[in-house]
């Protein structure tokens, strides 16, 4: 199975985890997904009135420079770990 196919399977699996991950893990999942699908964080950092958007953007920006392939693999590994 190609890395892209594994990534797509992990996306599907992420919707059926046995329990909801904590917020820090959810941010990591989001950041790895965005990095793998869109590359480095773009645009302006959301303002203080958008706390959720700001946290998501910060998590994504924190892994700036990670290759799309590496982000895909980390995403796959994290979802596998969460599946138990």
N, C-alpha and C. Protein backbone atom coordinates (compact mmCIF):
# COMPACT_ATOMS: atom_id res chain seq x y z
N UNK A 1 0.85 -1.18 0.00
CA UNK A 1 0.00 0.00 0.00
C UNK A 1 0.90 1.25 0.00
N UNK A 2 0.57 2.21 -0.82
CA UNK A 2 1.36 3.44 -0.90
C UNK A 2 1.16 4.28 0.36
N UNK A 3 2.08 5.20 0.57
CA UNK A 3 1.98 6.11 1.71
C UNK A 3 0.68 6.90 1.64
N UNK A 4 0.32 7.37 0.44
CA UNK A 4 -0.92 8.13 0.26
C UNK A 4 -2.13 7.28 0.64
N UNK A 5 -2.14 6.02 0.22
CA UNK A 5 -3.26 5.13 0.54
C UNK A 5 -3.33 4.87 2.05
N UNK A 6 -2.17 4.69 2.69
CA UNK A 6 -2.14 4.49 4.14
C UNK A 6 -2.66 5.74 4.86
N UNK A 7 -2.28 6.92 4.34
CA UNK A 7 -2.72 8.19 4.92
C UNK A 7 -4.25 8.31 4.81
N UNK A 8 -4.79 7.97 3.66
CA UNK A 8 -6.23 8.03 3.46
C UNK A 8 -6.95 7.04 4.37
N UNK A 9 -6.37 5.85 4.56
CA UNK A 9 -6.97 4.87 5.46
C UNK A 9 -6.93 5.37 6.90
N UNK A 10 -5.82 6.01 7.29
CA UNK A 10 -5.71 6.57 8.64
C UNK A 10 -6.76 7.67 8.85
N UNK A 11 -7.03 8.46 7.81
CA UNK A 11 -8.07 9.49 7.92
C UNK A 11 -9.42 8.84 8.22
N UNK A 12 -9.72 7.77 7.52
CA UNK A 12 -10.99 7.05 7.75
C UNK A 12 -11.00 6.46 9.15
N UNK A 13 -9.88 5.86 9.55
CA UNK A 13 -9.78 5.25 10.88
C UNK A 13 -9.92 6.28 11.99
N UNK A 14 -9.48 7.52 11.74
CA UNK A 14 -9.52 8.55 12.77
C UNK A 14 -10.95 8.88 13.19
N UNK A 15 -11.90 8.59 12.33
CA UNK A 15 -13.31 8.87 12.63
C UNK A 15 -13.94 7.77 13.49
N UNK A 16 -13.22 6.67 13.67
CA UNK A 16 -13.77 5.53 14.41
C UNK A 16 -12.85 5.07 15.55
N UNK A 17 -12.20 6.02 16.20
CA UNK A 17 -11.32 5.65 17.31
C UNK A 17 -12.16 5.17 18.49
N UNK A 18 -11.59 4.25 19.30
CA UNK A 18 -12.36 3.72 20.44
C UNK A 18 -12.74 4.78 21.46
N UNK A 19 -11.92 5.81 21.63
CA UNK A 19 -12.28 6.92 22.51
C UNK A 19 -11.74 8.22 21.95
N UNK A 20 -12.37 9.32 22.35
CA UNK A 20 -11.97 10.64 21.85
C UNK A 20 -10.63 11.02 22.45
N UNK A 21 -9.65 11.38 21.62
CA UNK A 21 -8.34 11.82 22.14
C UNK A 21 -8.47 13.12 22.92
N UNK A 22 -7.49 13.38 23.79
CA UNK A 22 -7.49 14.65 24.52
C UNK A 22 -7.18 15.79 23.55
N UNK A 23 -7.39 17.01 24.02
CA UNK A 23 -7.25 18.18 23.14
C UNK A 23 -5.85 18.33 22.55
N UNK A 24 -4.81 18.04 23.31
CA UNK A 24 -3.44 18.16 22.79
C UNK A 24 -3.22 17.16 21.65
N UNK A 25 -3.74 15.96 21.81
CA UNK A 25 -3.61 14.94 20.76
C UNK A 25 -4.42 15.34 19.53
N UNK A 26 -5.61 15.89 19.76
CA UNK A 26 -6.43 16.36 18.63
C UNK A 26 -5.70 17.45 17.85
N UNK A 27 -5.03 18.36 18.56
CA UNK A 27 -4.26 19.41 17.89
C UNK A 27 -3.12 18.81 17.07
N UNK A 28 -2.48 17.78 17.62
CA UNK A 28 -1.37 17.12 16.90
C UNK A 28 -1.91 16.44 15.64
N UNK A 29 -3.05 15.77 15.76
CA UNK A 29 -3.67 15.12 14.61
C UNK A 29 -3.98 16.18 13.54
N UNK A 30 -4.57 17.28 13.95
CA UNK A 30 -4.91 18.36 13.03
C UNK A 30 -3.66 18.90 12.34
N UNK A 31 -2.63 19.20 13.14
CA UNK A 31 -1.40 19.78 12.59
C UNK A 31 -0.75 18.84 11.59
N UNK A 32 -0.66 17.57 11.92
CA UNK A 32 -0.03 16.60 11.00
C UNK A 32 -0.85 16.46 9.72
N UNK A 33 -2.19 16.46 9.86
CA UNK A 33 -3.04 16.37 8.68
C UNK A 33 -2.82 17.58 7.77
N UNK A 34 -2.84 18.78 8.35
CA UNK A 34 -2.67 20.00 7.56
C UNK A 34 -1.29 20.04 6.91
N UNK A 35 -0.25 19.65 7.65
CA UNK A 35 1.10 19.66 7.11
C UNK A 35 1.20 18.67 5.95
N UNK A 36 0.60 17.49 6.12
CA UNK A 36 0.66 16.46 5.09
C UNK A 36 -0.14 16.85 3.85
N UNK A 37 -1.24 17.55 4.05
CA UNK A 37 -2.10 17.87 2.91
C UNK A 37 -1.84 19.25 2.31
N UNK A 38 -1.33 20.20 3.11
CA UNK A 38 -1.17 21.57 2.62
C UNK A 38 0.23 22.15 2.74
N UNK A 39 1.13 21.46 3.43
CA UNK A 39 2.48 22.00 3.64
C UNK A 39 2.50 22.95 4.83
N UNK A 40 3.48 23.83 4.87
CA UNK A 40 3.67 24.74 6.00
C UNK A 40 2.46 25.66 6.18
N UNK A 41 2.25 26.06 7.44
CA UNK A 41 1.14 26.96 7.79
C UNK A 41 1.20 28.23 6.96
N UNK A 42 0.05 28.67 6.52
CA UNK A 42 -0.05 29.86 5.68
C UNK A 42 -1.05 30.83 6.29
N UNK A 43 -1.02 32.04 5.82
CA UNK A 43 -1.99 33.04 6.25
C UNK A 43 -1.63 33.64 7.59
N UNK A 44 -2.52 34.50 8.03
CA UNK A 44 -2.32 35.18 9.30
C UNK A 44 -2.80 34.32 10.45
N UNK A 45 -2.09 34.44 11.57
CA UNK A 45 -2.49 33.75 12.78
C UNK A 45 -3.81 34.37 13.25
N UNK A 46 -4.81 33.52 13.57
CA UNK A 46 -6.09 34.06 14.04
C UNK A 46 -5.92 34.89 15.32
N UNK A 47 -6.80 35.83 15.51
CA UNK A 47 -6.73 36.71 16.67
C UNK A 47 -7.23 36.05 17.95
N UNK A 48 -7.15 36.80 19.04
CA UNK A 48 -7.55 36.29 20.36
C UNK A 48 -9.01 35.89 20.43
N UNK A 49 -9.85 36.47 19.60
CA UNK A 49 -11.28 36.15 19.64
C UNK A 49 -11.57 34.76 19.07
N UNK A 50 -10.62 34.19 18.35
CA UNK A 50 -10.78 32.85 17.78
C UNK A 50 -9.76 31.91 18.45
N UNK A 51 -10.06 31.54 19.68
CA UNK A 51 -9.12 30.73 20.47
C UNK A 51 -8.86 29.35 19.84
N UNK A 52 -9.90 28.72 19.33
CA UNK A 52 -9.74 27.39 18.73
C UNK A 52 -8.91 27.50 17.46
N UNK A 53 -9.26 28.45 16.60
CA UNK A 53 -8.50 28.65 15.36
C UNK A 53 -7.04 28.98 15.64
N UNK A 54 -6.83 29.78 16.66
CA UNK A 54 -5.47 30.18 17.04
C UNK A 54 -4.66 28.96 17.51
N UNK A 55 -5.27 28.12 18.35
CA UNK A 55 -4.58 26.92 18.84
C UNK A 55 -4.26 25.96 17.70
N UNK A 56 -5.19 25.81 16.78
CA UNK A 56 -4.98 24.92 15.63
C UNK A 56 -3.85 25.46 14.74
N UNK A 57 -3.87 26.77 14.48
CA UNK A 57 -2.84 27.37 13.63
C UNK A 57 -1.47 27.25 14.31
N UNK A 58 -1.41 27.49 15.62
CA UNK A 58 -0.14 27.39 16.35
C UNK A 58 0.42 25.97 16.30
N UNK A 59 -0.46 24.97 16.45
CA UNK A 59 -0.02 23.58 16.40
C UNK A 59 0.54 23.25 15.01
N UNK A 60 -0.12 23.74 13.98
CA UNK A 60 0.32 23.52 12.60
C UNK A 60 1.64 24.23 12.36
N UNK A 61 1.74 25.48 12.78
CA UNK A 61 2.95 26.27 12.58
C UNK A 61 4.15 25.68 13.32
N UNK A 62 3.89 25.00 14.43
CA UNK A 62 4.96 24.42 15.24
C UNK A 62 5.72 23.31 14.52
N UNK A 63 5.10 22.70 13.50
CA UNK A 63 5.79 21.62 12.77
C UNK A 63 6.23 22.08 11.38
N UNK A 64 6.33 23.40 11.22
CA UNK A 64 6.79 23.98 9.96
C UNK A 64 8.11 23.34 9.54
N UNK A 65 8.24 23.06 8.26
CA UNK A 65 9.47 22.47 7.74
C UNK A 65 9.43 20.95 7.65
N UNK A 66 8.43 20.33 8.28
CA UNK A 66 8.27 18.87 8.18
C UNK A 66 7.80 18.54 6.77
N UNK A 67 8.43 17.56 6.14
CA UNK A 67 8.02 17.20 4.78
C UNK A 67 6.61 16.60 4.80
N UNK A 68 5.93 16.71 3.67
CA UNK A 68 4.58 16.14 3.58
C UNK A 68 4.61 14.64 3.86
N UNK A 69 5.62 13.96 3.33
CA UNK A 69 5.73 12.51 3.52
C UNK A 69 5.95 12.16 4.99
N UNK A 70 6.82 12.91 5.67
CA UNK A 70 7.09 12.67 7.08
C UNK A 70 5.84 12.94 7.91
N UNK A 71 5.12 14.02 7.58
CA UNK A 71 3.88 14.33 8.30
C UNK A 71 2.84 13.23 8.08
N UNK A 72 2.75 12.71 6.85
CA UNK A 72 1.83 11.60 6.58
C UNK A 72 2.17 10.40 7.45
N UNK A 73 3.46 10.05 7.50
CA UNK A 73 3.87 8.88 8.27
C UNK A 73 3.60 9.08 9.76
N UNK A 74 3.88 10.27 10.29
CA UNK A 74 3.61 10.55 11.70
C UNK A 74 2.11 10.49 11.99
N UNK A 75 1.30 10.99 11.07
CA UNK A 75 -0.16 10.94 11.21
C UNK A 75 -0.62 9.48 11.25
N UNK A 76 -0.14 8.68 10.31
CA UNK A 76 -0.50 7.25 10.25
C UNK A 76 -0.12 6.56 11.55
N UNK A 77 1.12 6.80 12.02
CA UNK A 77 1.60 6.17 13.25
C UNK A 77 0.76 6.58 14.45
N UNK A 78 0.40 7.86 14.53
CA UNK A 78 -0.39 8.36 15.66
C UNK A 78 -1.79 7.73 15.67
N UNK A 79 -2.43 7.67 14.52
CA UNK A 79 -3.77 7.06 14.44
C UNK A 79 -3.70 5.57 14.80
N UNK A 80 -2.67 4.89 14.31
CA UNK A 80 -2.50 3.47 14.66
C UNK A 80 -2.37 3.28 16.17
N UNK A 81 -1.58 4.16 16.80
CA UNK A 81 -1.37 4.11 18.24
C UNK A 81 -2.70 4.34 18.98
N UNK A 82 -3.51 5.28 18.50
CA UNK A 82 -4.77 5.60 19.14
C UNK A 82 -5.83 4.52 18.93
N UNK A 83 -5.70 3.75 17.86
CA UNK A 83 -6.63 2.66 17.60
C UNK A 83 -6.50 1.56 18.64
N UNK A 84 -5.31 1.50 19.27
CA UNK A 84 -5.10 0.52 20.33
C UNK A 84 -4.65 -0.75 19.83
